[in-house]
């Protein structure tokens, strides 16, 4: 398993996406609006910044974590991007 699809970017969804992305997985974060996804990414970014301040991660980890997250407003596209190619 290398790809994760998280449907819903609220409190639980963005937390799951954050942990999976920080662990090196490619994450498709899916929600019904760009506004919800922007809010989720802002929350994840703030949490990563807090971790940098505490010294638990580096700026490089933050960068790679955010790079592992792709956002989608269409379920079909997000799940399609999550599947490995054959």
N, C-alpha and C. Protein backbone atom coordinates (compact mmCIF):
# COMPACT_ATOMS: atom_id res chain seq x y z
N UNK A 1 0.85 -1.17 0.00
CA UNK A 1 0.00 0.00 0.00
C UNK A 1 0.90 1.23 0.00
N UNK A 2 0.72 2.07 -1.00
CA UNK A 2 1.50 3.30 -1.11
C UNK A 2 0.62 4.52 -1.27
N UNK A 3 -0.64 4.30 -1.64
CA UNK A 3 -1.56 5.39 -1.93
C UNK A 3 -2.76 5.31 -1.00
N UNK A 4 -3.14 6.46 -0.46
CA UNK A 4 -4.25 6.55 0.48
C UNK A 4 -5.26 7.57 -0.05
N UNK A 5 -6.54 7.24 -0.01
CA UNK A 5 -7.60 8.20 -0.32
C UNK A 5 -8.35 8.50 0.97
N UNK A 6 -8.44 9.77 1.31
CA UNK A 6 -9.18 10.20 2.49
C UNK A 6 -10.36 11.02 2.00
N UNK A 7 -11.56 10.55 2.32
CA UNK A 7 -12.77 11.23 1.88
C UNK A 7 -13.31 12.05 3.04
N UNK A 8 -13.28 13.35 2.87
CA UNK A 8 -13.67 14.28 3.92
C UNK A 8 -12.44 14.91 4.52
N UNK A 9 -12.38 16.24 4.52
CA UNK A 9 -11.18 16.93 4.98
C UNK A 9 -11.40 17.69 6.29
N UNK A 10 -12.41 17.27 7.05
CA UNK A 10 -12.66 17.90 8.35
C UNK A 10 -11.58 17.51 9.35
N UNK A 11 -11.90 17.63 10.63
CA UNK A 11 -10.94 17.39 11.69
C UNK A 11 -10.29 16.01 11.58
N UNK A 12 -11.07 14.96 11.45
CA UNK A 12 -10.50 13.62 11.35
C UNK A 12 -9.81 13.41 10.01
N UNK A 13 -10.44 13.84 8.94
CA UNK A 13 -9.88 13.63 7.61
C UNK A 13 -8.54 14.29 7.42
N UNK A 14 -8.43 15.55 7.84
CA UNK A 14 -7.14 16.22 7.65
C UNK A 14 -6.08 15.65 8.58
N UNK A 15 -6.49 15.15 9.74
CA UNK A 15 -5.54 14.50 10.64
C UNK A 15 -5.01 13.20 10.06
N UNK A 16 -5.91 12.41 9.48
CA UNK A 16 -5.51 11.15 8.85
C UNK A 16 -4.59 11.44 7.66
N UNK A 17 -4.97 12.41 6.84
CA UNK A 17 -4.15 12.78 5.68
C UNK A 17 -2.76 13.23 6.12
N UNK A 18 -2.70 14.03 7.17
CA UNK A 18 -1.43 14.54 7.70
C UNK A 18 -0.52 13.39 8.11
N UNK A 19 -1.03 12.50 8.95
CA UNK A 19 -0.22 11.39 9.46
C UNK A 19 0.25 10.47 8.33
N UNK A 20 -0.63 10.16 7.41
CA UNK A 20 -0.27 9.28 6.28
C UNK A 20 0.79 9.95 5.40
N UNK A 21 0.58 11.23 5.08
CA UNK A 21 1.53 11.95 4.23
C UNK A 21 2.89 12.08 4.91
N UNK A 22 2.88 12.34 6.19
CA UNK A 22 4.14 12.47 6.93
C UNK A 22 4.87 11.12 7.00
N UNK A 23 4.12 10.04 6.91
CA UNK A 23 4.71 8.70 6.92
C UNK A 23 5.19 8.26 5.54
N UNK A 24 5.04 9.14 4.55
CA UNK A 24 5.57 8.87 3.22
C UNK A 24 4.58 8.35 2.21
N UNK A 25 3.31 8.25 2.59
CA UNK A 25 2.29 7.79 1.65
C UNK A 25 1.83 8.93 0.75
N UNK A 26 1.41 8.58 -0.46
CA UNK A 26 0.79 9.53 -1.36
C UNK A 26 -0.69 9.59 -0.99
N UNK A 27 -1.18 10.79 -0.68
CA UNK A 27 -2.54 10.94 -0.15
C UNK A 27 -3.40 11.76 -1.11
N UNK A 28 -4.56 11.22 -1.45
CA UNK A 28 -5.60 11.96 -2.17
C UNK A 28 -6.61 12.40 -1.12
N UNK A 29 -6.68 13.71 -0.87
CA UNK A 29 -7.62 14.26 0.09
C UNK A 29 -8.81 14.80 -0.70
N UNK A 30 -9.99 14.26 -0.42
CA UNK A 30 -11.17 14.53 -1.23
C UNK A 30 -12.26 15.19 -0.38
N UNK A 31 -12.81 16.29 -0.89
CA UNK A 31 -13.94 16.94 -0.23
C UNK A 31 -14.78 17.63 -1.30
N UNK A 32 -15.94 18.14 -0.91
CA UNK A 32 -16.88 18.66 -1.90
C UNK A 32 -16.56 20.07 -2.39
N UNK A 33 -15.67 20.78 -1.69
CA UNK A 33 -15.37 22.15 -2.13
C UNK A 33 -13.90 22.48 -1.96
N UNK A 34 -13.44 23.39 -2.81
CA UNK A 34 -12.06 23.86 -2.70
C UNK A 34 -11.85 24.58 -1.37
N UNK A 35 -12.89 25.28 -0.89
CA UNK A 35 -12.78 26.01 0.37
C UNK A 35 -12.48 25.05 1.52
N UNK A 36 -13.17 23.92 1.57
CA UNK A 36 -12.93 22.94 2.63
C UNK A 36 -11.52 22.37 2.53
N UNK A 37 -11.06 22.12 1.32
CA UNK A 37 -9.72 21.58 1.12
C UNK A 37 -8.65 22.61 1.50
N UNK A 38 -8.88 23.87 1.16
CA UNK A 38 -7.94 24.93 1.54
C UNK A 38 -7.83 25.04 3.05
N UNK A 39 -8.98 24.95 3.73
CA UNK A 39 -8.99 25.00 5.19
C UNK A 39 -8.21 23.82 5.78
N UNK A 40 -8.40 22.64 5.20
CA UNK A 40 -7.69 21.45 5.67
C UNK A 40 -6.18 21.60 5.50
N UNK A 41 -5.76 22.09 4.34
CA UNK A 41 -4.32 22.28 4.12
C UNK A 41 -3.75 23.35 5.04
N UNK A 42 -4.53 24.37 5.34
CA UNK A 42 -4.08 25.41 6.28
C UNK A 42 -3.90 24.81 7.67
N UNK A 43 -4.81 23.93 8.07
CA UNK A 43 -4.72 23.27 9.38
C UNK A 43 -3.50 22.37 9.43
N UNK A 44 -3.29 21.58 8.39
CA UNK A 44 -2.13 20.69 8.33
C UNK A 44 -0.84 21.50 8.37
N UNK A 45 -0.79 22.58 7.62
CA UNK A 45 0.39 23.44 7.60
C UNK A 45 0.66 24.03 8.98
N UNK A 46 -0.38 24.50 9.66
CA UNK A 46 -0.22 25.05 11.00
C UNK A 46 0.29 23.99 11.98
N UNK A 47 -0.23 22.78 11.86
CA UNK A 47 0.21 21.69 12.73
C UNK A 47 1.68 21.35 12.47
N UNK A 48 2.06 21.33 11.20
CA UNK A 48 3.47 21.06 10.86
C UNK A 48 4.37 22.17 11.38
N UNK A 49 3.93 23.42 11.25
CA UNK A 49 4.71 24.55 11.76
C UNK A 49 4.90 24.44 13.27
N UNK A 50 3.85 24.03 13.97
CA UNK A 50 3.95 23.85 15.41
C UNK A 50 4.97 22.75 15.74
N UNK A 51 4.98 21.69 14.95
CA UNK A 51 5.93 20.60 15.17
C UNK A 51 7.37 21.07 14.92
N UNK A 52 7.55 21.94 13.93
CA UNK A 52 8.88 22.50 13.67
C UNK A 52 9.33 23.33 14.87
N UNK A 53 8.42 24.16 15.38
CA UNK A 53 8.74 25.00 16.53
C UNK A 53 9.14 24.17 17.74
N UNK A 54 8.47 23.04 17.93
CA UNK A 54 8.79 22.15 19.05
C UNK A 54 10.05 21.34 18.80
N UNK A 55 10.53 21.34 17.55
CA UNK A 55 11.73 20.59 17.23
C UNK A 55 11.49 19.11 16.94
N UNK A 56 10.24 18.73 16.72
CA UNK A 56 9.95 17.32 16.48
C UNK A 56 10.08 16.93 15.01
N UNK A 57 10.04 17.91 14.10
CA UNK A 57 10.29 17.66 12.68
C UNK A 57 11.13 18.80 12.12
N UNK A 58 11.65 18.60 10.93
CA UNK A 58 12.41 19.65 10.24
C UNK A 58 11.54 20.29 9.16
N UNK A 59 12.03 21.39 8.63
CA UNK A 59 11.33 22.06 7.53
C UNK A 59 11.25 21.15 6.31
N UNK A 60 12.25 20.31 6.14
CA UNK A 60 12.24 19.38 5.01
C UNK A 60 11.10 18.37 5.15
N UNK A 61 10.84 17.92 6.36
CA UNK A 61 9.73 16.99 6.60
C UNK A 61 8.41 17.68 6.28
N UNK A 62 8.28 18.93 6.67
CA UNK A 62 7.07 19.69 6.36
C UNK A 62 6.86 19.75 4.84
N UNK A 63 7.92 20.10 4.13
CA UNK A 63 7.84 20.22 2.68
C UNK A 63 7.44 18.90 2.03
N UNK A 64 8.07 17.81 2.44
CA UNK A 64 7.76 16.52 1.83
C UNK A 64 6.36 16.05 2.22
N UNK A 65 5.92 16.35 3.43
CA UNK A 65 4.58 15.98 3.86
C UNK A 65 3.53 16.67 3.00
N UNK A 66 3.67 17.97 2.82
CA UNK A 66 2.71 18.71 2.01
C UNK A 66 2.75 18.27 0.54
N UNK A 67 3.93 17.90 0.06
CA UNK A 67 4.06 17.44 -1.33
C UNK A 67 3.36 16.10 -1.54
N UNK A 68 3.19 15.33 -0.47
CA UNK A 68 2.54 14.02 -0.56
C UNK A 68 1.01 14.12 -0.61
N UNK A 69 0.46 15.32 -0.43
CA UNK A 69 -1.00 15.49 -0.39
C UNK A 69 -1.48 16.18 -1.67
N UNK A 70 -2.39 15.53 -2.35
CA UNK A 70 -3.06 16.12 -3.51
C UNK A 70 -4.54 16.23 -3.17
N UNK A 71 -5.17 17.32 -3.58
CA UNK A 71 -6.57 17.55 -3.23
C UNK A 71 -7.47 17.41 -4.46
N UNK A 72 -8.70 16.95 -4.18
CA UNK A 72 -9.69 16.72 -5.24
C UNK A 72 -11.08 17.07 -4.72
N UNK A 73 -11.89 17.63 -5.62
CA UNK A 73 -13.30 17.88 -5.27
C UNK A 73 -14.21 16.85 -5.92
N UNK A 74 -13.66 16.00 -6.75
CA UNK A 74 -14.44 14.95 -7.40
C UNK A 74 -13.97 13.59 -6.88
N UNK A 75 -14.87 12.85 -6.27
CA UNK A 75 -14.54 11.55 -5.71
C UNK A 75 -13.89 10.64 -6.73
N UNK A 76 -14.48 10.59 -7.91
CA UNK A 76 -13.98 9.70 -8.96
C UNK A 76 -12.52 10.00 -9.30
N UNK A 77 -12.19 11.27 -9.42
CA UNK A 77 -10.80 11.66 -9.74
C UNK A 77 -9.84 11.34 -8.60
N UNK A 78 -10.25 11.66 -7.38
CA UNK A 78 -9.38 11.41 -6.22
C UNK A 78 -9.08 9.94 -6.02
N UNK A 79 -10.08 9.11 -6.19
CA UNK A 79 -9.89 7.67 -6.01
C UNK A 79 -9.11 7.10 -7.19
N UNK A 80 -9.39 7.62 -8.37
CA UNK A 80 -8.68 7.17 -9.58
C UNK A 80 -7.19 7.45 -9.44
N UNK A 81 -6.83 8.60 -8.94
CA UNK A 81 -5.43 8.98 -8.76
C UNK A 81 -4.77 8.17 -7.66
N UNK A 82 -5.57 7.62 -6.78
CA UNK A 82 -5.06 6.85 -5.65
C UNK A 82 -4.66 5.44 -6.07
N UNK A 83 -5.31 4.90 -7.08
CA UNK A 83 -5.05 3.53 -7.51
C UNK A 83 -3.70 3.42 -8.19
N UNK A 84 -2.98 2.35 -7.93
CA UNK A 84 -1.70 2.15 -8.62
C UNK A 84 -1.95 1.82 -10.10
N UNK A 85 -1.08 2.23 -10.94
CA UNK A 85 -1.20 1.92 -12.38
C UNK A 85 -0.78 0.49 -12.65
N UNK A 86 -1.47 -0.15 -13.56
CA UNK A 86 -1.13 -1.53 -13.94
C UNK A 86 -0.76 -1.56 -15.40
